[in-house]
Amino acid sequence: MIVVDPQPLAPVVFVTGKGGVGKTSIAAGLAVAAVAQGREAIFVEFADGAAGDRALGADRRAVKRVVIEPKKAVLDAAKPLFGSSLLARLALDNFAMKPFIGAAPAVRELAMLALVQQTAERHPRARVVVDMPATGHSVAWLRVPAQGRDLIRYGPLYDLCARLARDLVAPGKASVAVVSLAERMVLRETLELCQRLSEEVGLPAQRLFVNRVPRRLPEGAVAAAADLAAHATDPSVRSAAEPLVERLAQRDAVSHELDRTLEDILGTAASMATLLPRAAKDPTAAEVATWLQERGAA
């Protein structure tokens, strides 16, 4: 069983989930929804920024984008520790530190979280949406500040870890939105991710999005088609209605199976999951934003 916290989203929203579930599209939709609500929105992503550019599409002009490059993040985050860019570069570029930084992913992750916090501090009224890495990597990443605080105990690096644990990776400061698909295996992995976020990070998922869900049939659609197939006087109408009944019945069975799967795997959290429809083509960020607002999940 998982616990989904339905409270309003915090200023910073970390969006994660298994690869290929539409995580970046949901993150873009959350950012565009914030703009539609009259807020400033900042979309934070890592590496080259290409995925966010595609996901935001025509809405990229309305959303401020921050692209954090891992290597540069270490230098930028180190400036406050060393007092200046020059001293930070001299310290981190020396032959002894480079191998250490390269071999310690936690250093890079800590630096990138520091830049996320700096972004939030510079824009206190904004919704900052962070497109996180997939699944377990996100948990390890969000654990870094508390682990560093507990292990280091004193000094500038301790101060950084303590500040991030207190002011960023903490309830009320940040929310986690988890994205899944309506598939049994993916839902099980999502369940494990949500449990780890709650137990290991201390941030229960505040939003659980089940993406690409087949649209439900209108009430009575199967019965209406069956009645038409049975009583239509025009043979051509009857011959067209008979295969339609079969297709609609199959689709209705899929919807009921999805309900059972959600309840079986997610338990009581199934009622709090936000179901987003499967579209004929990839939805735009504005379309996703509309879906989120209609469901009260933005």
C-alpha atoms as a PDB file:
ATOM      1  CA  MET A   1       0.000   0.000   0.000  1.00  0.00           C
ATOM      2  CA  ILE A   2       1.205   3.524  -0.746  1.00  0.00           C
ATOM      3  CA  VAL A   3       0.212   6.888   0.620  1.00  0.00           C
ATOM      4  CA  VAL A   4      -0.548   9.688  -1.829  1.00  0.00           C
ATOM      5  CA  ASP A   5      -0.681  13.132  -0.236  1.00  0.00           C
ATOM      6  CA  PRO A   6      -3.436  15.093  -2.044  1.00  0.00           C
ATOM      7  CA  GLN A   7      -2.391  18.480  -0.615  1.00  0.00           C
ATOM      8  CA  PRO A   8      -1.571  21.403  -2.975  1.00  0.00           C
ATOM      9  CA  LEU A   9       1.781  21.166  -4.700  1.00  0.00           C
ATOM     10  CA  ALA A  10       4.798  22.830  -3.129  1.00  0.00           C
ATOM     11  CA  PRO A  11       6.735  25.569  -4.978  1.00  0.00           C
ATOM     12  CA  VAL A  12       9.226  22.990  -6.323  1.00  0.00           C
ATOM     13  CA  VAL A  13       7.885  19.853  -8.018  1.00  0.00           C
ATOM     14  CA  PHE A  14      10.155  16.910  -8.803  1.00  0.00           C
ATOM     15  CA  VAL A  15       8.653  14.780 -11.589  1.00  0.00           C
ATOM     16  CA  THR A  16       9.866  11.207 -11.905  1.00  0.00           C
ATOM     17  CA  GLY A  17       8.849   7.747 -13.069  1.00  0.00           C
ATOM     18  CA  LYS A  18      10.012   4.841 -15.195  1.00  0.00           C
ATOM     19  CA  GLY A  19      11.572   5.747 -18.545  1.00  0.00           C
ATOM     20  CA  GLY A  20       9.118   6.048 -21.427  1.00  0.00           C
ATOM     21  CA  VAL A  21       6.009   6.827 -19.377  1.00  0.00           C
ATOM     22  CA  GLY A  22       5.690  10.446 -20.549  1.00  0.00           C
ATOM     23  CA  LYS A  23       7.433  12.010 -17.562  1.00  0.00           C
ATOM     24  CA  THR A  24       8.772  15.023 -19.475  1.00  0.00           C
ATOM     25  CA  SER A  25       5.375  15.683 -21.065  1.00  0.00           C
ATOM     26  CA  ILE A  26       3.712  15.725 -17.645  1.00  0.00           C
ATOM     27  CA  ALA A  27       6.428  18.025 -16.278  1.00  0.00           C
ATOM     28  CA  ALA A  28       5.895  20.407 -19.208  1.00  0.00           C
ATOM     29  CA  GLY A  29       2.138  20.267 -18.634  1.00  0.00           C
ATOM     30  CA  LEU A  30       2.563  21.186 -14.959  1.00  0.00           C
ATOM     31  CA  ALA A  31       4.673  24.189 -15.945  1.00  0.00           C
ATOM     32  CA  VAL A  32       2.189  25.392 -18.558  1.00  0.00           C
ATOM     33  CA  ALA A  33      -0.693  24.867 -16.108  1.00  0.00           C
ATOM     34  CA  ALA A  34       1.084  27.178 -13.639  1.00  0.00           C
ATOM     35  CA  VAL A  35       1.297  29.860 -16.334  1.00  0.00           C
ATOM     36  CA  ALA A  36      -2.420  29.414 -17.062  1.00  0.00           C
ATOM     37  CA  GLN A  37      -3.071  30.022 -13.351  1.00  0.00           C
ATOM     38  CA  GLY A  38      -1.198  33.328 -13.535  1.00  0.00           C
ATOM     39  CA  ARG A  39       2.070  32.135 -12.006  1.00  0.00           C
ATOM     40  CA  GLU A  40       5.601  32.316 -13.265  1.00  0.00           C
ATOM     41  CA  ALA A  41       6.780  28.848 -14.251  1.00  0.00           C
ATOM     42  CA  ILE A  42      10.308  27.493 -14.550  1.00  0.00           C
ATOM     43  CA  PHE A  43      11.076  24.179 -16.203  1.00  0.00           C
ATOM     44  CA  VAL A  44      14.358  22.679 -14.962  1.00  0.00           C
ATOM     45  CA  GLU A  45      16.061  19.883 -16.842  1.00  0.00           C
ATOM     46  CA  PHE A  46      19.504  18.360 -17.070  1.00  0.00           C
ATOM     47  CA  ALA A  47      22.073  17.641 -19.804  1.00  0.00           C
ATOM     48  CA  ASP A  48      21.340  19.330 -23.153  1.00  0.00           C
ATOM     49  CA  GLY A  49      17.741  20.486 -22.693  1.00  0.00           C
ATOM     50  CA  ALA A  50      16.483  18.954 -25.942  1.00  0.00           C
ATOM     51  CA  ALA A  51      13.730  16.875 -24.310  1.00  0.00           C
ATOM     52  CA  GLY A  52      12.188  19.862 -22.570  1.00  0.00           C
ATOM     53  CA  ASP A  53      12.347  21.921 -25.735  1.00  0.00           C
ATOM     54  CA  ARG A  54      10.344  19.264 -27.584  1.00  0.00           C
ATOM     55  CA  ALA A  55       7.859  18.757 -24.746  1.00  0.00           C
ATOM     56  CA  LEU A  56       7.101  22.460 -24.298  1.00  0.00           C
ATOM     57  CA  GLY A  57       6.794  23.029 -28.037  1.00  0.00           C
ATOM     58  CA  ALA A  58       4.904  26.219 -28.839  1.00  0.00           C
ATOM     59  CA  ASP A  59       4.595  26.993 -25.112  1.00  0.00           C
ATOM     60  CA  ARG A  60       8.347  27.335 -24.603  1.00  0.00           C
ATOM     61  CA  ARG A  61       8.059  31.139 -24.774  1.00  0.00           C
ATOM     62  CA  ALA A  62       5.677  31.231 -21.791  1.00  0.00           C
ATOM     63  CA  VAL A  63       7.853  29.067 -19.548  1.00  0.00           C
ATOM     64  CA  LYS A  64      11.322  30.009 -18.380  1.00  0.00           C
ATOM     65  CA  ARG A  65      13.729  27.113 -18.959  1.00  0.00           C
ATOM     66  CA  VAL A  66      16.806  26.309 -16.889  1.00  0.00           C
ATOM     67  CA  VAL A  67      19.161  23.667 -18.267  1.00  0.00           C
ATOM     68  CA  ILE A  68      21.674  22.349 -15.721  1.00  0.00           C
ATOM     69  CA  GLU A  69      24.795  20.745 -17.169  1.00  0.00           C
ATOM     70  CA  PRO A  70      26.314  18.380 -14.569  1.00  0.00           C
ATOM     71  CA  LYS A  71      29.971  19.429 -14.877  1.00  0.00           C
ATOM     72  CA  LYS A  72      29.191  23.136 -14.842  1.00  0.00           C
ATOM     73  CA  ALA A  73      26.823  22.578 -11.906  1.00  0.00           C
ATOM     74  CA  VAL A  74      29.693  21.512  -9.641  1.00  0.00           C
ATOM     75  CA  LEU A  75      31.591  24.734 -10.325  1.00  0.00           C
ATOM     76  CA  ASP A  76      28.525  26.960  -9.956  1.00  0.00           C
ATOM     77  CA  ALA A  77      27.442  25.297  -6.709  1.00  0.00           C
ATOM     78  CA  ALA A  78      30.980  25.585  -5.316  1.00  0.00           C
ATOM     79  CA  LYS A  79      31.162  29.369  -5.698  1.00  0.00           C
ATOM     80  CA  PRO A  80      29.497  30.094  -2.327  1.00  0.00           C
ATOM     81  CA  LEU A  81      31.733  27.492  -0.636  1.00  0.00           C
ATOM     82  CA  PHE A  82      34.978  29.062  -1.888  1.00  0.00           C
ATOM     83  CA  GLY A  83      33.856  32.675  -1.969  1.00  0.00           C
ATOM     84  CA  SER A  84      34.482  33.303  -5.661  1.00  0.00           C
ATOM     85  CA  SER A  85      34.394  31.686  -9.088  1.00  0.00           C
ATOM     86  CA  LEU A  86      38.169  31.928  -9.391  1.00  0.00           C
ATOM     87  CA  LEU A  87      38.885  30.101  -6.130  1.00  0.00           C
ATOM     88  CA  ALA A  88      36.242  27.478  -6.903  1.00  0.00           C
ATOM     89  CA  ARG A  89      37.764  26.834 -10.327  1.00  0.00           C
ATOM     90  CA  LEU A  90      41.286  26.632  -8.904  1.00  0.00           C
ATOM     91  CA  ALA A  91      40.172  24.165  -6.244  1.00  0.00           C
ATOM     92  CA  LEU A  92      38.038  21.939  -8.473  1.00  0.00           C
ATOM     93  CA  ASP A  93      40.251  21.957 -11.554  1.00  0.00           C
ATOM     94  CA  ASN A  94      43.346  20.670  -9.789  1.00  0.00           C
ATOM     95  CA  PHE A  95      44.685  17.190 -10.557  1.00  0.00           C
ATOM     96  CA  ALA A  96      43.593  15.763  -7.185  1.00  0.00           C
ATOM     97  CA  MET A  97      39.963  16.938  -7.239  1.00  0.00           C
ATOM     98  CA  LYS A  98      39.024  16.084 -10.828  1.00  0.00           C
ATOM     99  CA  PRO A  99      39.230  12.284 -10.386  1.00  0.00           C
ATOM    100  CA  PHE A 100      37.349  12.569  -7.084  1.00  0.00           C
ATOM    101  CA  ILE A 101      34.490  14.504  -8.635  1.00  0.00           C
ATOM    102  CA  GLY A 102      34.353  12.208 -11.635  1.00  0.00           C
ATOM    103  CA  ALA A 103      34.188   9.135  -9.413  1.00  0.00           C
ATOM    104  CA  ALA A 104      31.616  10.544  -6.989  1.00  0.00           C
ATOM    105  CA  PRO A 105      28.206  11.004  -8.643  1.00  0.00           C
ATOM    106  CA  ALA A 106      26.795  12.252  -5.340  1.00  0.00           C
ATOM    107  CA  VAL A 107      28.954  15.377  -5.665  1.00  0.00           C
ATOM    108  CA  ARG A 108      27.419  16.191  -9.044  1.00  0.00           C
ATOM    109  CA  GLU A 109      23.902  15.424  -7.827  1.00  0.00           C
ATOM    110  CA  LEU A 110      24.369  17.595  -4.761  1.00  0.00           C
ATOM    111  CA  ALA A 111      25.584  20.423  -6.977  1.00  0.00           C
ATOM    112  CA  MET A 112      22.603  20.111  -9.311  1.00  0.00           C
ATOM    113  CA  LEU A 113      20.167  20.153  -6.385  1.00  0.00           C
ATOM    114  CA  ALA A 114      21.949  23.273  -5.126  1.00  0.00           C
ATOM    115  CA  LEU A 115      21.275  24.989  -8.458  1.00  0.00           C
ATOM    116  CA  VAL A 116      17.620  23.929  -8.298  1.00  0.00           C
ATOM    117  CA  GLN A 117      17.383  25.571  -4.882  1.00  0.00           C
ATOM    118  CA  GLN A 118      19.135  28.699  -6.135  1.00  0.00           C
ATOM    119  CA  THR A 119      16.621  28.885  -8.983  1.00  0.00           C
ATOM    120  CA  ALA A 120      13.719  28.602  -6.524  1.00  0.00           C
ATOM    121  CA  GLU A 121      15.230  31.274  -4.260  1.00  0.00           C
ATOM    122  CA  ARG A 122      15.651  33.699  -7.164  1.00  0.00           C
ATOM    123  CA  HIS A 123      12.010  33.160  -8.163  1.00  0.00           C
ATOM    124  CA  PRO A 124      10.088  32.848  -4.865  1.00  0.00           C
ATOM    125  CA  ARG A 125       6.659  33.182  -6.499  1.00  0.00           C
ATOM    126  CA  ALA A 126       7.310  30.706  -9.291  1.00  0.00           C
ATOM    127  CA  ARG A 127       6.346  27.075  -9.744  1.00  0.00           C
ATOM    128  CA  VAL A 128       9.650  25.293 -10.374  1.00  0.00           C
ATOM    129  CA  VAL A 129       9.104  21.977 -12.166  1.00  0.00           C
ATOM    130  CA  VAL A 130      12.115  19.648 -12.239  1.00  0.00           C
ATOM    131  CA  ASP A 131      12.251  16.896 -14.861  1.00  0.00           C
ATOM    132  CA  MET A 132      14.099  14.260 -12.832  1.00  0.00           C
ATOM    133  CA  PRO A 133      15.893  11.079 -13.963  1.00  0.00           C
ATOM    134  CA  ALA A 134      13.922   7.858 -14.075  1.00  0.00           C
ATOM    135  CA  THR A 135      12.850   5.706 -11.126  1.00  0.00           C
ATOM    136  CA  GLY A 136      15.552   4.575  -8.642  1.00  0.00           C
ATOM    137  CA  HIS A 137      18.090   7.201  -9.670  1.00  0.00           C
ATOM    138  CA  SER A 138      15.713   9.904  -8.460  1.00  0.00           C
ATOM    139  CA  VAL A 139      15.455   8.287  -5.030  1.00  0.00           C
ATOM    140  CA  ALA A 140      19.240   8.057  -4.696  1.00  0.00           C
ATOM    141  CA  TRP A 141      19.563  11.651  -5.865  1.00  0.00           C
ATOM    142  CA  LEU A 142      17.015  13.059  -3.405  1.00  0.00           C
ATOM    143  CA  ARG A 143      18.625  11.127  -0.539  1.00  0.00           C
ATOM    144  CA  VAL A 144      22.005  12.814  -1.020  1.00  0.00           C
ATOM    145  CA  PRO A 145      21.431  15.986   1.092  1.00  0.00           C
ATOM    146  CA  ALA A 146      20.281  14.107   4.213  1.00  0.00           C
ATOM    147  CA  GLN A 147      23.004  11.484   3.815  1.00  0.00           C
ATOM    148  CA  GLY A 148      25.675  14.164   3.427  1.00  0.00           C
ATOM    149  CA  ARG A 149      24.359  16.087   6.431  1.00  0.00           C
ATOM    150  CA  ASP A 150      24.435  12.977   8.615  1.00  0.00           C
ATOM    151  CA  LEU A 151      27.865  11.811   7.456  1.00  0.00           C
ATOM    152  CA  ILE A 152      29.892  15.030   7.218  1.00  0.00           C
ATOM    153  CA  ARG A 153      28.772  16.731  10.439  1.00  0.00           C
ATOM    154  CA  TYR A 154      30.589  20.073   9.995  1.00  0.00           C
ATOM    155  CA  GLY A 155      32.172  22.443   7.463  1.00  0.00           C
ATOM    156  CA  PRO A 156      30.932  24.192   4.277  1.00  0.00           C
ATOM    157  CA  LEU A 157      29.835  20.964   2.590  1.00  0.00           C
ATOM    158  CA  TYR A 158      27.853  20.008   5.686  1.00  0.00           C
ATOM    159  CA  ASP A 159      26.200  23.439   5.600  1.00  0.00           C
ATOM    160  CA  LEU A 160      25.206  22.891   1.959  1.00  0.00           C
ATOM    161  CA  CYS A 161      23.754  19.427   2.644  1.00  0.00           C
ATOM    162  CA  ALA A 162      21.881  20.645   5.715  1.00  0.00           C
ATOM    163  CA  ARG A 163      20.440  23.608   3.823  1.00  0.00           C
ATOM    164  CA  LEU A 164      19.248  21.428   0.939  1.00  0.00           C
ATOM    165  CA  ALA A 165      17.729  18.870   3.305  1.00  0.00           C
ATOM    166  CA  ARG A 166      15.938  21.623   5.193  1.00  0.00           C
ATOM    167  CA  ASP A 167      14.957  24.050   2.435  1.00  0.00           C
ATOM    168  CA  LEU A 168      14.547  21.913  -0.687  1.00  0.00           C
ATOM    169  CA  VAL A 169      14.126  18.171  -0.154  1.00  0.00           C
ATOM    170  CA  ALA A 170      11.528  18.526   2.570  1.00  0.00           C
ATOM    171  CA  PRO A 171       7.713  18.436   2.864  1.00  0.00           C
ATOM    172  CA  GLY A 172       6.222  21.828   2.110  1.00  0.00           C
ATOM    173  CA  LYS A 173       9.320  22.890   0.202  1.00  0.00           C
ATOM    174  CA  ALA A 174       9.087  20.301  -2.578  1.00  0.00           C
ATOM    175  CA  SER A 175       6.540  17.856  -3.915  1.00  0.00           C
ATOM    176  CA  VAL A 176       7.117  14.674  -5.880  1.00  0.00           C
ATOM    177  CA  ALA A 177       4.908  13.776  -8.831  1.00  0.00           C
ATOM    178  CA  VAL A 178       5.244  10.190 -10.041  1.00  0.00           C
ATOM    179  CA  VAL A 179       4.229   9.149 -13.557  1.00  0.00           C
ATOM    180  CA  SER A 180       3.211   5.623 -14.550  1.00  0.00           C
ATOM    181  CA  LEU A 181       1.450   3.803 -17.366  1.00  0.00           C
ATOM    182  CA  ALA A 182      -1.722   1.733 -17.080  1.00  0.00           C
ATOM    183  CA  GLU A 183       0.257  -1.511 -17.264  1.00  0.00           C
ATOM    184  CA  ARG A 184       0.599  -4.052 -14.470  1.00  0.00           C
ATOM    185  CA  MET A 185       4.411  -4.281 -14.487  1.00  0.00           C
ATOM    186  CA  VAL A 186       4.909  -0.515 -14.705  1.00  0.00           C
ATOM    187  CA  LEU A 187       2.378   0.063 -11.945  1.00  0.00           C
ATOM    188  CA  ARG A 188       4.218  -2.391  -9.697  1.00  0.00           C
ATOM    189  CA  GLU A 189       7.495  -0.551 -10.268  1.00  0.00           C
ATOM    190  CA  THR A 190       5.669   2.720  -9.569  1.00  0.00           C
ATOM    191  CA  LEU A 191       4.381   1.280  -6.296  1.00  0.00           C
ATOM    192  CA  GLU A 192       7.951   0.426  -5.257  1.00  0.00           C
ATOM    193  CA  LEU A 193       9.153   3.903  -6.248  1.00  0.00           C
ATOM    194  CA  CYS A 194       6.444   5.622  -4.189  1.00  0.00           C
ATOM    195  CA  GLN A 195       7.251   3.470  -1.155  1.00  0.00           C
ATOM    196  CA  ARG A 196      10.950   4.292  -1.431  1.00  0.00           C
ATOM    197  CA  LEU A 197      10.248   8.010  -1.773  1.00  0.00           C
ATOM    198  CA  SER A 198       8.183   7.954   1.395  1.00  0.00           C
ATOM    199  CA  GLU A 199      10.466   5.711   3.461  1.00  0.00           C
ATOM    200  CA  GLU A 200      13.938   6.729   2.239  1.00  0.00           C
ATOM    201  CA  VAL A 201      13.473  10.376   1.282  1.00  0.00           C
ATOM    202  CA  GLY A 202      10.583  11.408   3.518  1.00  0.00           C
ATOM    203  CA  LEU A 203       8.595  12.833   0.605  1.00  0.00           C
ATOM    204  CA  PRO A 204       5.374  10.902  -0.092  1.00  0.00           C
ATOM    205  CA  ALA A 205       4.166  11.235  -3.667  1.00  0.00           C
ATOM    206  CA  GLN A 206       1.747  14.154  -3.859  1.00  0.00           C
ATOM    207  CA  ARG A 207       0.624  13.300  -7.348  1.00  0.00           C
ATOM    208  CA  LEU A 208       0.352   9.916  -9.007  1.00  0.00           C
ATOM    209  CA  PHE A 209      -0.294  10.249 -12.735  1.00  0.00           C
ATOM    210  CA  VAL A 210      -1.341   7.189 -14.729  1.00  0.00           C
ATOM    211  CA  ASN A 211      -0.657   8.200 -18.301  1.00  0.00           C
ATOM    212  CA  ARG A 212      -2.082   7.052 -21.657  1.00  0.00           C
ATOM    213  CA  VAL A 213      -5.222   5.483 -20.240  1.00  0.00           C
ATOM    214  CA  PRO A 214      -7.730   4.305 -22.904  1.00  0.00           C
ATOM    215  CA  ARG A 215     -10.737   6.600 -22.926  1.00  0.00           C
ATOM    216  CA  ARG A 216     -13.806   5.129 -21.239  1.00  0.00           C
ATOM    217  CA  LEU A 217     -16.976   4.492 -23.203  1.00  0.00           C
ATOM    218  CA  PRO A 218     -20.086   6.553 -22.485  1.00  0.00           C
ATOM    219  CA  GLU A 219     -22.516   4.846 -20.140  1.00  0.00           C
ATOM    220  CA  GLY A 220     -24.723   2.398 -22.039  1.00  0.00           C
ATOM    221  CA  ALA A 221     -22.705   2.510 -25.279  1.00  0.00           C
ATOM    222  CA  VAL A 222     -22.385  -1.284 -25.560  1.00  0.00           C
ATOM    223  CA  ALA A 223     -26.055  -1.846 -24.827  1.00  0.00           C
ATOM    224  CA  ALA A 224     -27.090   0.782 -27.390  1.00  0.00           C
ATOM    225  CA  ALA A 225     -24.935  -0.801 -30.086  1.00  0.00           C
ATOM    226  CA  ALA A 226     -26.299  -4.266 -29.248  1.00  0.00           C
ATOM    227  CA  ASP A 227     -29.862  -2.975 -29.468  1.00  0.00           C
ATOM    228  CA  LEU A 228     -29.115  -1.424 -32.854  1.00  0.00           C
ATOM    229  CA  ALA A 229     -27.590  -4.687 -34.130  1.00  0.00           C
ATOM    230  CA  ALA A 230     -30.607  -6.649 -32.940  1.00  0.00           C
ATOM    231  CA  HIS A 231     -33.415  -4.377 -34.101  1.00  0.00           C
ATOM    232  CA  ALA A 232     -32.190  -2.328 -37.045  1.00  0.00           C
ATOM    233  CA  THR A 233     -34.437  -2.849 -40.059  1.00  0.00           C
ATOM    234  CA  ASP A 234     -31.791  -1.799 -42.553  1.00  0.00           C
ATOM    235  CA  PRO A 235     -29.506  -4.814 -43.219  1.00  0.00           C
ATOM    236  CA  SER A 236     -26.495  -2.562 -43.927  1.00  0.00           C
ATOM    237  CA  VAL A 237     -26.921  -0.832 -40.556  1.00  0.00           C
ATOM    238  CA  ARG A 238     -27.254  -4.180 -38.811  1.00  0.00           C
ATOM    239  CA  SER A 239     -24.126  -5.587 -40.502  1.00  0.00           C
ATOM    240  CA  ALA A 240     -22.133  -2.525 -39.451  1.00  0.00           C
ATOM    241  CA  ALA A 241     -23.460  -2.592 -35.887  1.00  0.00           C
ATOM    242  CA  GLU A 242     -22.584  -6.243 -35.201  1.00  0.00           C
ATOM    243  CA  PRO A 243     -18.743  -5.838 -35.386  1.00  0.00           C
ATOM    244  CA  LEU A 244     -19.101  -2.499 -33.566  1.00  0.00           C
ATOM    245  CA  VAL A 245     -20.689  -4.313 -30.619  1.00  0.00           C
ATOM    246  CA  GLU A 246     -17.707  -6.655 -30.434  1.00  0.00           C
ATOM    247  CA  ARG A 247     -15.167  -3.825 -30.547  1.00  0.00           C
ATOM    248  CA  LEU A 248     -17.008  -1.783 -27.940  1.00  0.00           C
ATOM    249  CA  ALA A 249     -17.344  -4.820 -25.662  1.00  0.00           C
ATOM    250  CA  GLN A 250     -13.606  -5.441 -25.916  1.00  0.00           C
ATOM    251  CA  ARG A 251     -12.852  -1.819 -25.101  1.00  0.00           C
ATOM    252  CA  ASP A 252     -15.253  -1.894 -22.161  1.00  0.00           C
ATOM    253  CA  ALA A 253     -13.533  -5.031 -20.858  1.00  0.00           C
ATOM    254  CA  VAL A 254     -10.159  -3.274 -21.047  1.00  0.00           C
ATOM    255  CA  SER A 255     -11.513  -0.399 -18.929  1.00  0.00           C
ATOM    256  CA  HIS A 256     -12.841  -2.782 -16.277  1.00  0.00           C
ATOM    257  CA  GLU A 257      -9.554  -4.690 -16.248  1.00  0.00           C
ATOM    258  CA  LEU A 258      -7.690  -1.425 -15.752  1.00  0.00           C
ATOM    259  CA  ASP A 259      -9.908  -0.607 -12.763  1.00  0.00           C
ATOM    260  CA  ARG A 260      -9.135  -3.993 -11.236  1.00  0.00           C
ATOM    261  CA  THR A 261      -5.411  -3.615 -11.922  1.00  0.00           C
ATOM    262  CA  LEU A 262      -5.243  -0.174 -10.321  1.00  0.00           C
ATOM    263  CA  GLU A 263      -7.131  -1.323  -7.243  1.00  0.00           C
ATOM    264  CA  ASP A 264      -5.142  -4.558  -6.963  1.00  0.00           C
ATOM    265  CA  ILE A 265      -1.715  -2.896  -7.190  1.00  0.00           C
ATOM    266  CA  LEU A 266      -2.234   0.605  -5.817  1.00  0.00           C
ATOM    267  CA  GLY A 267      -4.843  -0.195  -3.157  1.00  0.00           C
ATOM    268  CA  THR A 268      -6.513   2.849  -1.640  1.00  0.00           C
ATOM    269  CA  ALA A 269      -4.201   5.150  -3.613  1.00  0.00           C
ATOM    270  CA  ALA A 270      -6.009   4.100  -6.798  1.00  0.00           C
ATOM    271  CA  SER A 271      -8.832   6.530  -6.009  1.00  0.00           C
ATOM    272  CA  MET A 272      -6.302   9.382  -5.778  1.00  0.00           C
ATOM    273  CA  ALA A 273      -4.469   8.567  -9.002  1.00  0.00           C
ATOM    274  CA  THR A 274      -4.935  11.070 -11.817  1.00  0.00           C
ATOM    275  CA  LEU A 275      -5.776   9.227 -15.035  1.00  0.00           C
ATOM    276  CA  LEU A 276      -4.664  10.973 -18.225  1.00  0.00           C
ATOM    277  CA  PRO A 277      -6.110   9.845 -21.556  1.00  0.00           C
ATOM    278  CA  ARG A 278      -4.361   8.156 -24.434  1.00  0.00           C
ATOM    279  CA  ALA A 279      -4.262  10.519 -27.404  1.00  0.00           C
ATOM    280  CA  ALA A 280      -4.087   9.747 -31.114  1.00  0.00           C
ATOM    281  CA  LYS A 281      -0.799  11.676 -31.219  1.00  0.00           C
ATOM    282  CA  ASP A 282       1.583  13.056 -28.612  1.00  0.00           C
ATOM    283  CA  PRO A 283      -0.331  15.759 -26.718  1.00  0.00           C
ATOM    284  CA  THR A 284       1.017  19.279 -26.521  1.00  0.00           C
ATOM    285  CA  ALA A 285       2.050  20.764 -23.190  1.00  0.00           C
ATOM    286  CA  ALA A 286      -1.072  22.962 -23.326  1.00  0.00           C
ATOM    287  CA  GLU A 287      -3.295  19.891 -23.797  1.00  0.00           C
ATOM    288  CA  VAL A 288      -1.656  18.133 -20.858  1.00  0.00           C
ATOM    289  CA  ALA A 289      -2.043  21.309 -18.783  1.00  0.00           C
ATOM    290  CA  THR A 290      -5.773  21.381 -19.576  1.00  0.00           C
ATOM    291  CA  TRP A 291      -6.178  17.745 -18.517  1.00  0.00           C
ATOM    292  CA  LEU A 292      -4.331  18.412 -15.248  1.00  0.00           C
ATOM    293  CA  GLN A 293      -6.430  21.482 -14.464  1.00  0.00           C
ATOM    294  CA  GLU A 294      -9.692  19.681 -15.266  1.00  0.00           C
ATOM    295  CA  ARG A 295      -8.706  16.963 -12.776  1.00  0.00           C
ATOM    296  CA  GLY A 296      -7.549  19.400 -10.092  1.00  0.00           C
ATOM    297  CA  ALA A 297      -4.023  17.998 -10.197  1.00  0.00           C
ATOM    298  CA  ALA A 298      -2.026  21.043 -11.341  1.00  0.00           C
END
